């Protein structure tokens, strides 16, 4: 099975610390995804706190709910790296993906920061990657539009 991937990046008019405070919470994640999907989480785990989130083992199973209520997939979230204020690297298994990797980086920049999402995935079903790549890329483009609307800024090429 051939891995697929893409990168989406934006320049935000807020500091990396300010952006991290928002994007490292499940509330922030769901703000980015709304209204397309919502991710569930255990009640006590509301943020990517390095004291609470285990590294290298499954943190929790998140159900991905289309329009906030229809289960379409799950993500067994596993973080291989967590650098508070600067980003994370998730390497997980999903119902539809043999491997899902999402690396999010926050890089300080003049008058704000850059936010970079690097995604790669390996579908479980042969041939479906060609269909899923544009869908996943559109979801991340949507996430970045929501972040730019919230913090100001523009897309990076």
C-alpha atoms as a PDB file:
ATOM      1  CA  UNK A   1       0.000   0.000   0.000  1.00  0.00           C
ATOM      2  CA  UNK A   2       1.430   3.371  -0.994  1.00  0.00           C
ATOM      3  CA  UNK A   3       1.490   6.054   1.706  1.00  0.00           C
ATOM      4  CA  UNK A   4      -0.131   9.353   0.746  1.00  0.00           C
ATOM      5  CA  UNK A   5       0.431  12.796   2.152  1.00  0.00           C
ATOM      6  CA  UNK A   6       0.291  16.574   1.972  1.00  0.00           C
ATOM      7  CA  UNK A   7       1.263  19.739   3.856  1.00  0.00           C
ATOM      8  CA  UNK A   8      -0.913  22.745   4.714  1.00  0.00           C
ATOM      9  CA  UNK A   9       0.590  25.872   6.271  1.00  0.00           C
ATOM     10  CA  UNK A  10      -0.549  29.327   7.334  1.00  0.00           C
ATOM     11  CA  UNK A  11       0.919  32.485   8.786  1.00  0.00           C
ATOM     12  CA  UNK A  12      -1.060  33.621  11.844  1.00  0.00           C
ATOM     13  CA  UNK A  13      -1.077  37.052  13.474  1.00  0.00           C
ATOM     14  CA  UNK A  14      -0.589  35.630  16.971  1.00  0.00           C
ATOM     15  CA  UNK A  15       2.381  34.278  18.894  1.00  0.00           C
ATOM     16  CA  UNK A  16       3.151  30.570  18.868  1.00  0.00           C
ATOM     17  CA  UNK A  17       2.293  30.448  22.588  1.00  0.00           C
ATOM     18  CA  UNK A  18      -1.104  32.082  22.018  1.00  0.00           C
ATOM     19  CA  UNK A  19      -1.913  29.735  19.121  1.00  0.00           C
ATOM     20  CA  UNK A  20      -0.719  26.680  21.096  1.00  0.00           C
ATOM     21  CA  UNK A  21      -3.005  27.623  23.989  1.00  0.00           C
ATOM     22  CA  UNK A  22      -5.935  27.297  21.568  1.00  0.00           C
ATOM     23  CA  UNK A  23      -4.925  24.415  19.285  1.00  0.00           C
ATOM     24  CA  UNK A  24      -3.661  22.115  22.043  1.00  0.00           C
ATOM     25  CA  UNK A  25      -7.124  21.718  23.564  1.00  0.00           C
ATOM     26  CA  UNK A  26      -9.881  19.423  22.368  1.00  0.00           C
ATOM     27  CA  UNK A  27     -12.146  22.453  22.317  1.00  0.00           C
ATOM     28  CA  UNK A  28      -9.669  24.119  19.952  1.00  0.00           C
ATOM     29  CA  UNK A  29      -9.380  21.017  17.765  1.00  0.00           C
ATOM     30  CA  UNK A  30     -13.153  20.857  17.452  1.00  0.00           C
ATOM     31  CA  UNK A  31     -13.307  24.598  16.725  1.00  0.00           C
ATOM     32  CA  UNK A  32     -11.008  23.969  13.759  1.00  0.00           C
ATOM     33  CA  UNK A  33     -13.045  21.005  12.524  1.00  0.00           C
ATOM     34  CA  UNK A  34     -16.512  22.495  13.026  1.00  0.00           C
ATOM     35  CA  UNK A  35     -19.046  22.119  11.420  1.00  0.00           C
ATOM     36  CA  UNK A  36     -17.662  19.257   9.299  1.00  0.00           C
ATOM     37  CA  UNK A  37     -16.703  16.842  12.063  1.00  0.00           C
ATOM     38  CA  UNK A  38     -16.156  16.610  15.789  1.00  0.00           C
ATOM     39  CA  UNK A  39     -13.693  14.423  17.670  1.00  0.00           C
ATOM     40  CA  UNK A  40     -14.655  12.850  20.983  1.00  0.00           C
ATOM     41  CA  UNK A  41     -12.316  12.651  23.978  1.00  0.00           C
ATOM     42  CA  UNK A  42     -12.345  11.395  27.543  1.00  0.00           C
ATOM     43  CA  UNK A  43     -13.943  13.948  29.897  1.00  0.00           C
ATOM     44  CA  UNK A  44     -10.747  14.463  31.913  1.00  0.00           C
ATOM     45  CA  UNK A  45      -8.469  14.942  28.927  1.00  0.00           C
ATOM     46  CA  UNK A  46      -9.136  18.416  27.602  1.00  0.00           C
ATOM     47  CA  UNK A  47      -5.650  19.447  26.459  1.00  0.00           C
ATOM     48  CA  UNK A  48      -2.340  18.102  25.210  1.00  0.00           C
ATOM     49  CA  UNK A  49      -0.705  18.400  28.583  1.00  0.00           C
ATOM     50  CA  UNK A  50       2.644  16.587  28.532  1.00  0.00           C
ATOM     51  CA  UNK A  51       2.061  15.544  32.167  1.00  0.00           C
ATOM     52  CA  UNK A  52      -1.148  13.726  31.198  1.00  0.00           C
ATOM     53  CA  UNK A  53      -0.720  12.553  27.586  1.00  0.00           C
ATOM     54  CA  UNK A  54       1.415   9.407  27.324  1.00  0.00           C
ATOM     55  CA  UNK A  55       4.170   9.388  24.691  1.00  0.00           C
ATOM     56  CA  UNK A  56       4.543   6.316  22.510  1.00  0.00           C
ATOM     57  CA  UNK A  57       1.333   4.608  23.608  1.00  0.00           C
ATOM     58  CA  UNK A  58      -2.321   5.124  22.841  1.00  0.00           C
ATOM     59  CA  UNK A  59      -3.659   8.139  24.715  1.00  0.00           C
ATOM     60  CA  UNK A  60      -7.324   7.439  23.916  1.00  0.00           C
ATOM     61  CA  UNK A  61      -9.762   6.482  21.164  1.00  0.00           C
ATOM     62  CA  UNK A  62     -11.496   9.421  19.558  1.00  0.00           C
ATOM     63  CA  UNK A  63     -14.611   8.863  17.502  1.00  0.00           C
ATOM     64  CA  UNK A  64     -14.836  11.116  14.457  1.00  0.00           C
ATOM     65  CA  UNK A  65     -18.411  12.289  14.119  1.00  0.00           C
ATOM     66  CA  UNK A  66     -19.656  13.707  10.806  1.00  0.00           C
ATOM     67  CA  UNK A  67     -21.522  16.963  11.490  1.00  0.00           C
ATOM     68  CA  UNK A  68     -20.936  16.296  15.189  1.00  0.00           C
ATOM     69  CA  UNK A  69     -23.144  13.218  15.597  1.00  0.00           C
ATOM     70  CA  UNK A  70     -22.689  10.492  12.916  1.00  0.00           C
ATOM     71  CA  UNK A  71     -19.719   8.153  13.632  1.00  0.00           C
ATOM     72  CA  UNK A  72     -17.611   7.747  10.470  1.00  0.00           C
ATOM     73  CA  UNK A  73     -14.207   6.680  11.833  1.00  0.00           C
ATOM     74  CA  UNK A  74     -12.136   6.454  14.972  1.00  0.00           C
ATOM     75  CA  UNK A  75      -8.588   7.513  15.756  1.00  0.00           C
ATOM     76  CA  UNK A  76      -6.513   5.689  18.366  1.00  0.00           C
ATOM     77  CA  UNK A  77      -4.498   8.800  19.181  1.00  0.00           C
ATOM     78  CA  UNK A  78      -0.854   8.022  19.886  1.00  0.00           C
ATOM     79  CA  UNK A  79       1.683  10.811  20.276  1.00  0.00           C
ATOM     80  CA  UNK A  80       5.321  10.062  19.486  1.00  0.00           C
ATOM     81  CA  UNK A  81       6.414  13.601  20.340  1.00  0.00           C
ATOM     82  CA  UNK A  82       4.854  16.497  22.210  1.00  0.00           C
ATOM     83  CA  UNK A  83       6.660  19.816  22.497  1.00  0.00           C
ATOM     84  CA  UNK A  84       4.326  22.235  24.323  1.00  0.00           C
ATOM     85  CA  UNK A  85       4.197  25.581  22.574  1.00  0.00           C
ATOM     86  CA  UNK A  86       5.909  24.209  19.458  1.00  0.00           C
ATOM     87  CA  UNK A  87       3.925  21.216  18.235  1.00  0.00           C
ATOM     88  CA  UNK A  88       3.315  17.492  18.267  1.00  0.00           C
ATOM     89  CA  UNK A  89       3.738  14.383  16.169  1.00  0.00           C
ATOM     90  CA  UNK A  90       0.900  11.874  16.189  1.00  0.00           C
ATOM     91  CA  UNK A  91       1.253   8.386  14.699  1.00  0.00           C
ATOM     92  CA  UNK A  92      -2.013   6.498  15.044  1.00  0.00           C
ATOM     93  CA  UNK A  93      -4.165   3.746  13.648  1.00  0.00           C
ATOM     94  CA  UNK A  94      -7.685   4.455  12.503  1.00  0.00           C
ATOM     95  CA  UNK A  95     -10.592   2.325  11.415  1.00  0.00           C
ATOM     96  CA  UNK A  96      -9.951   3.339   7.775  1.00  0.00           C
ATOM     97  CA  UNK A  97      -6.180   3.928   8.001  1.00  0.00           C
ATOM     98  CA  UNK A  98      -3.471   1.395   8.728  1.00  0.00           C
ATOM     99  CA  UNK A  99      -1.273   4.370   9.597  1.00  0.00           C
ATOM    100  CA  UNK A 100      -2.166   8.031  10.157  1.00  0.00           C
ATOM    101  CA  UNK A 101       0.585  10.545  10.880  1.00  0.00           C
ATOM    102  CA  UNK A 102      -0.062  14.169  11.710  1.00  0.00           C
ATOM    103  CA  UNK A 103       2.771  16.474  12.610  1.00  0.00           C
ATOM    104  CA  UNK A 104       1.834  20.012  13.634  1.00  0.00           C
ATOM    105  CA  UNK A 105       4.557  22.617  13.999  1.00  0.00           C
ATOM    106  CA  UNK A 106       4.339  26.146  15.326  1.00  0.00           C
ATOM    107  CA  UNK A 107       7.263  28.327  14.296  1.00  0.00           C
ATOM    108  CA  UNK A 108       7.740  31.855  15.601  1.00  0.00           C
ATOM    109  CA  UNK A 109       7.710  34.493  12.863  1.00  0.00           C
ATOM    110  CA  UNK A 110       7.743  38.268  12.781  1.00  0.00           C
ATOM    111  CA  UNK A 111       4.426  39.558  14.188  1.00  0.00           C
ATOM    112  CA  UNK A 112       3.075  36.048  14.727  1.00  0.00           C
ATOM    113  CA  UNK A 113       3.841  32.458  13.854  1.00  0.00           C
ATOM    114  CA  UNK A 114       3.621  29.881  11.111  1.00  0.00           C
ATOM    115  CA  UNK A 115       1.483  26.799  11.651  1.00  0.00           C
ATOM    116  CA  UNK A 116       2.389  23.797   9.530  1.00  0.00           C
ATOM    117  CA  UNK A 117       0.452  20.544   9.325  1.00  0.00           C
ATOM    118  CA  UNK A 118       2.212  17.601   7.679  1.00  0.00           C
ATOM    119  CA  UNK A 119      -0.075  14.617   7.112  1.00  0.00           C
ATOM    120  CA  UNK A 120       0.653  11.174   5.735  1.00  0.00           C
ATOM    121  CA  UNK A 121      -1.576   8.135   5.749  1.00  0.00           C
ATOM    122  CA  UNK A 122      -1.821   4.573   4.557  1.00  0.00           C
ATOM    123  CA  UNK A 123      -5.376   3.364   3.927  1.00  0.00           C
ATOM    124  CA  UNK A 124      -6.438  -0.132   4.894  1.00  0.00           C
ATOM    125  CA  UNK A 125      -8.417  -0.622   1.666  1.00  0.00           C
ATOM    126  CA  UNK A 126      -6.429  -0.735  -1.589  1.00  0.00           C
ATOM    127  CA  UNK A 127      -7.047   2.072  -4.063  1.00  0.00           C
ATOM    128  CA  UNK A 128      -8.950   4.332  -1.683  1.00  0.00           C
ATOM    129  CA  UNK A 129      -6.000   6.671  -1.019  1.00  0.00           C
ATOM    130  CA  UNK A 130      -6.548   8.492  -4.289  1.00  0.00           C
ATOM    131  CA  UNK A 131     -10.055   9.400  -3.072  1.00  0.00           C
ATOM    132  CA  UNK A 132      -9.139  10.156   0.532  1.00  0.00           C
ATOM    133  CA  UNK A 133      -6.170  12.464  -0.126  1.00  0.00           C
ATOM    134  CA  UNK A 134      -8.304  15.320  -1.583  1.00  0.00           C
ATOM    135  CA  UNK A 135     -10.879  14.844   1.188  1.00  0.00           C
ATOM    136  CA  UNK A 136      -8.294  14.943   3.981  1.00  0.00           C
ATOM    137  CA  UNK A 137      -6.522  17.893   2.342  1.00  0.00           C
ATOM    138  CA  UNK A 138      -9.833  19.781   2.130  1.00  0.00           C
ATOM    139  CA  UNK A 139     -10.469  19.148   5.848  1.00  0.00           C
ATOM    140  CA  UNK A 140      -7.033  20.550   6.744  1.00  0.00           C
ATOM    141  CA  UNK A 141      -7.535  23.528   4.411  1.00  0.00           C
ATOM    142  CA  UNK A 142     -10.817  24.131   6.262  1.00  0.00           C
ATOM    143  CA  UNK A 143      -8.986  23.920   9.608  1.00  0.00           C
ATOM    144  CA  UNK A 144      -6.469  26.521   8.460  1.00  0.00           C
ATOM    145  CA  UNK A 145      -9.203  28.862   7.183  1.00  0.00           C
ATOM    146  CA  UNK A 146     -10.828  28.660  10.624  1.00  0.00           C
ATOM    147  CA  UNK A 147      -7.485  29.413  12.312  1.00  0.00           C
ATOM    148  CA  UNK A 148      -6.790  32.371   9.982  1.00  0.00           C
ATOM    149  CA  UNK A 149     -10.271  33.708  10.681  1.00  0.00           C
ATOM    150  CA  UNK A 150      -9.667  33.394  14.419  1.00  0.00           C
ATOM    151  CA  UNK A 151      -6.129  34.820  14.579  1.00  0.00           C
ATOM    152  CA  UNK A 152      -5.784  36.719  11.300  1.00  0.00           C
ATOM    153  CA  UNK A 153      -3.126  35.893   8.746  1.00  0.00           C
ATOM    154  CA  UNK A 154      -2.843  34.175   5.397  1.00  0.00           C
ATOM    155  CA  UNK A 155      -1.959  30.945   3.655  1.00  0.00           C
ATOM    156  CA  UNK A 156       1.715  30.113   3.114  1.00  0.00           C
ATOM    157  CA  UNK A 157       2.864  28.631  -0.167  1.00  0.00           C
END
